[in-house]
Amino acid sequence: MEALYLLLPISLVFVLLIGAAFWWAIFSGQFDNTDEAARSILQDDDSTAPRPADEPKPQSQVSDPSGARKE
């Protein structure tokens, strides 16, 4: 029973702090545009520019005709 005298006020303070943080988040615009992050990852252009034909391959990707990699 004596523990309740300590735990109850601490829990009420936590509830008030969480409520204040949630109130601030709502009125500061944190939840105004929740779909933008989801759309931005789908609309991102991940393609890379192709290498010009006259540019040699990097040494690590060059292999001999037998298929074995050169070191």
N, C-alpha and C. Protein backbone atom coordinates (compact mmCIF):
# COMPACT_ATOMS: atom_id res chain seq x y z
N MET A 1 0.82 -1.19 0.00
CA MET A 1 0.00 0.00 0.00
C MET A 1 0.87 1.26 0.00
N GLU A 2 1.97 1.19 0.72
CA GLU A 2 2.83 2.37 0.78
C GLU A 2 3.48 2.67 -0.57
N ALA A 3 3.68 1.63 -1.38
CA ALA A 3 4.26 1.83 -2.70
C ALA A 3 3.32 2.64 -3.61
N LEU A 4 2.03 2.50 -3.39
CA LEU A 4 1.07 3.25 -4.19
C LEU A 4 1.20 4.75 -3.96
N TYR A 5 1.58 5.16 -2.78
CA TYR A 5 1.75 6.59 -2.49
C TYR A 5 2.89 7.19 -3.32
N LEU A 6 3.80 6.37 -3.73
CA LEU A 6 4.90 6.82 -4.57
C LEU A 6 4.58 6.61 -6.06
N LEU A 7 4.08 5.44 -6.40
CA LEU A 7 3.87 5.09 -7.80
C LEU A 7 2.72 5.84 -8.45
N LEU A 8 1.67 6.11 -7.72
CA LEU A 8 0.52 6.81 -8.29
C LEU A 8 0.86 8.23 -8.72
N PRO A 9 1.50 9.05 -7.91
CA PRO A 9 1.87 10.39 -8.39
C PRO A 9 2.89 10.35 -9.53
N ILE A 10 3.82 9.41 -9.51
CA ILE A 10 4.79 9.31 -10.60
C ILE A 10 4.08 8.95 -11.90
N SER A 11 3.15 8.02 -11.84
CA SER A 11 2.43 7.63 -13.05
C SER A 11 1.55 8.77 -13.56
N LEU A 12 0.95 9.55 -12.68
CA LEU A 12 0.14 10.69 -13.11
C LEU A 12 1.01 11.76 -13.77
N VAL A 13 2.21 11.96 -13.26
CA VAL A 13 3.13 12.92 -13.88
C VAL A 13 3.52 12.44 -15.28
N PHE A 14 3.79 11.14 -15.43
CA PHE A 14 4.11 10.60 -16.75
C PHE A 14 2.95 10.76 -17.72
N VAL A 15 1.74 10.51 -17.27
CA VAL A 15 0.57 10.67 -18.13
C VAL A 15 0.42 12.12 -18.56
N LEU A 16 0.63 13.05 -17.66
CA LEU A 16 0.54 14.47 -18.02
C LEU A 16 1.63 14.87 -19.00
N LEU A 17 2.84 14.37 -18.81
CA LEU A 17 3.93 14.68 -19.74
C LEU A 17 3.67 14.11 -21.13
N ILE A 18 3.18 12.88 -21.19
CA ILE A 18 2.88 12.27 -22.48
C ILE A 18 1.73 13.00 -23.15
N GLY A 19 0.73 13.38 -22.39
CA GLY A 19 -0.39 14.16 -22.94
C GLY A 19 0.08 15.51 -23.46
N ALA A 20 0.97 16.17 -22.75
CA ALA A 20 1.49 17.46 -23.20
C ALA A 20 2.33 17.30 -24.47
N ALA A 21 3.13 16.24 -24.55
CA ALA A 21 3.92 16.00 -25.75
C ALA A 21 3.03 15.69 -26.95
N PHE A 22 1.97 14.94 -26.73
CA PHE A 22 1.04 14.63 -27.81
C PHE A 22 0.28 15.89 -28.25
N TRP A 23 -0.13 16.70 -27.30
CA TRP A 23 -0.81 17.97 -27.60
C TRP A 23 0.10 18.87 -28.44
N TRP A 24 1.37 18.97 -28.04
CA TRP A 24 2.32 19.79 -28.79
C TRP A 24 2.50 19.24 -30.21
N ALA A 25 2.59 17.91 -30.34
CA ALA A 25 2.80 17.31 -31.66
C ALA A 25 1.62 17.58 -32.59
N ILE A 26 0.43 17.54 -32.06
CA ILE A 26 -0.75 17.79 -32.88
C ILE A 26 -0.77 19.23 -33.36
N PHE A 27 -0.57 20.16 -32.47
CA PHE A 27 -0.72 21.58 -32.81
C PHE A 27 0.54 22.21 -33.42
N SER A 28 1.64 21.47 -33.47
CA SER A 28 2.82 22.02 -34.13
C SER A 28 2.96 21.50 -35.55
N GLY A 29 2.00 20.69 -36.01
CA GLY A 29 2.00 20.24 -37.39
C GLY A 29 2.76 18.96 -37.64
N GLN A 30 3.03 18.18 -36.63
CA GLN A 30 3.78 16.94 -36.82
C GLN A 30 3.00 15.91 -37.63
N PHE A 31 1.67 15.99 -37.61
CA PHE A 31 0.84 15.00 -38.29
C PHE A 31 0.11 15.59 -39.49
N ASP A 32 0.57 16.72 -40.01
CA ASP A 32 -0.13 17.38 -41.11
C ASP A 32 -0.02 16.60 -42.41
N ASN A 33 1.13 16.11 -42.76
CA ASN A 33 1.33 15.45 -44.05
C ASN A 33 2.02 14.11 -43.83
N THR A 34 1.26 13.14 -43.40
CA THR A 34 1.85 11.84 -43.07
C THR A 34 2.09 10.98 -44.30
N ASP A 35 1.46 11.29 -45.44
CA ASP A 35 1.63 10.48 -46.64
C ASP A 35 2.83 10.88 -47.49
N GLU A 36 3.42 12.02 -47.23
CA GLU A 36 4.53 12.51 -48.06
C GLU A 36 5.74 11.59 -48.00
N ALA A 37 6.09 11.10 -46.84
CA ALA A 37 7.26 10.21 -46.73
C ALA A 37 7.01 8.90 -47.46
N ALA A 38 5.79 8.40 -47.40
CA ALA A 38 5.47 7.16 -48.11
C ALA A 38 5.53 7.34 -49.62
N ARG A 39 5.06 8.48 -50.11
CA ARG A 39 5.10 8.73 -51.55
C ARG A 39 6.50 9.04 -52.04
N SER A 40 7.29 9.71 -51.23
CA SER A 40 8.62 10.13 -51.69
C SER A 40 9.53 8.93 -51.96
N ILE A 41 9.39 7.86 -51.21
CA ILE A 41 10.24 6.70 -51.46
C ILE A 41 9.82 5.98 -52.73
N LEU A 42 8.55 6.06 -53.10
CA LEU A 42 8.09 5.43 -54.33
C LEU A 42 8.43 6.27 -55.55
N GLN A 43 8.51 7.58 -55.40
CA GLN A 43 8.78 8.46 -56.51
C GLN A 43 10.27 8.74 -56.69
N ASP A 44 11.10 8.19 -55.84
CA ASP A 44 12.53 8.41 -55.91
C ASP A 44 13.11 7.75 -57.15
N ASP A 45 14.00 8.45 -57.85
CA ASP A 45 14.62 7.92 -59.05
C ASP A 45 15.94 7.24 -58.67
N ASP A 46 15.93 5.93 -58.65
CA ASP A 46 17.11 5.17 -58.26
C ASP A 46 17.98 4.76 -59.43
N SER A 47 17.57 5.12 -60.63
CA SER A 47 18.34 4.69 -61.80
C SER A 47 19.68 5.43 -61.84
N THR A 48 20.67 4.76 -62.38
CA THR A 48 21.98 5.39 -62.53
C THR A 48 22.23 5.60 -64.01
N ALA A 49 23.04 6.55 -64.32
CA ALA A 49 23.36 6.85 -65.73
C ALA A 49 24.23 5.73 -66.29
N PRO A 50 23.95 5.28 -67.51
CA PRO A 50 24.79 4.22 -68.10
C PRO A 50 26.18 4.74 -68.42
N ARG A 51 27.17 3.84 -68.33
CA ARG A 51 28.55 4.19 -68.66
C ARG A 51 28.68 4.34 -70.16
N PRO A 52 29.46 5.28 -70.61
CA PRO A 52 29.72 5.38 -72.05
C PRO A 52 30.39 4.10 -72.56
N ALA A 53 30.15 3.77 -73.82
CA ALA A 53 30.65 2.51 -74.39
C ALA A 53 32.17 2.48 -74.45
N ASP A 54 32.82 3.64 -74.61
CA ASP A 54 34.28 3.64 -74.73
C ASP A 54 34.99 3.61 -73.38
N GLU A 55 34.26 3.69 -72.29
CA GLU A 55 34.88 3.66 -70.96
C GLU A 55 35.16 2.21 -70.58
N PRO A 56 36.38 1.87 -70.18
CA PRO A 56 36.70 0.48 -69.82
C PRO A 56 36.02 0.08 -68.51
N LYS A 57 35.81 -1.22 -68.38
CA LYS A 57 35.24 -1.74 -67.14
C LYS A 57 36.27 -1.64 -66.02
N PRO A 58 35.83 -1.52 -64.78
CA PRO A 58 36.78 -1.57 -63.67
C PRO A 58 37.50 -2.91 -63.65
N GLN A 59 38.72 -2.94 -63.17
CA GLN A 59 39.57 -4.13 -63.20
C GLN A 59 38.92 -5.32 -62.50
N SER A 60 38.14 -5.09 -61.44
CA SER A 60 37.57 -6.20 -60.69
C SER A 60 36.49 -6.93 -61.48
N GLN A 61 35.93 -6.31 -62.53
CA GLN A 61 34.87 -6.95 -63.30
C GLN A 61 35.38 -7.57 -64.61
N VAL A 62 36.65 -7.41 -64.93
CA VAL A 62 37.21 -7.95 -66.16
C VAL A 62 37.51 -9.42 -65.95
N SER A 63 37.07 -10.26 -66.86
CA SER A 63 37.38 -11.68 -66.76
C SER A 63 37.99 -12.16 -68.07
N ASP A 64 38.73 -13.23 -68.03
CA ASP A 64 39.32 -13.75 -69.26
C ASP A 64 38.28 -14.61 -69.99
N PRO A 65 38.53 -14.98 -71.23
CA PRO A 65 37.54 -15.73 -72.03
C PRO A 65 37.11 -17.06 -71.41
N SER A 66 37.93 -17.66 -70.58
CA SER A 66 37.55 -18.93 -69.99
C SER A 66 36.53 -18.76 -68.86
N GLY A 67 36.29 -17.52 -68.45
CA GLY A 67 35.30 -17.28 -67.40
C GLY A 67 35.91 -17.11 -66.03
N ALA A 68 37.20 -17.39 -65.89
CA ALA A 68 37.86 -17.23 -64.59
C ALA A 68 38.22 -15.76 -64.39
N ARG A 69 38.07 -15.29 -63.20
CA ARG A 69 38.39 -13.89 -62.92
C ARG A 69 39.89 -13.70 -62.77
N LYS A 70 40.38 -12.59 -63.27
CA LYS A 70 41.80 -12.25 -63.09
C LYS A 70 41.97 -11.53 -61.76
N GLU A 71 43.09 -11.73 -61.15
CA GLU A 71 43.37 -11.06 -59.87
C GLU A 71 44.51 -10.13 -60.02
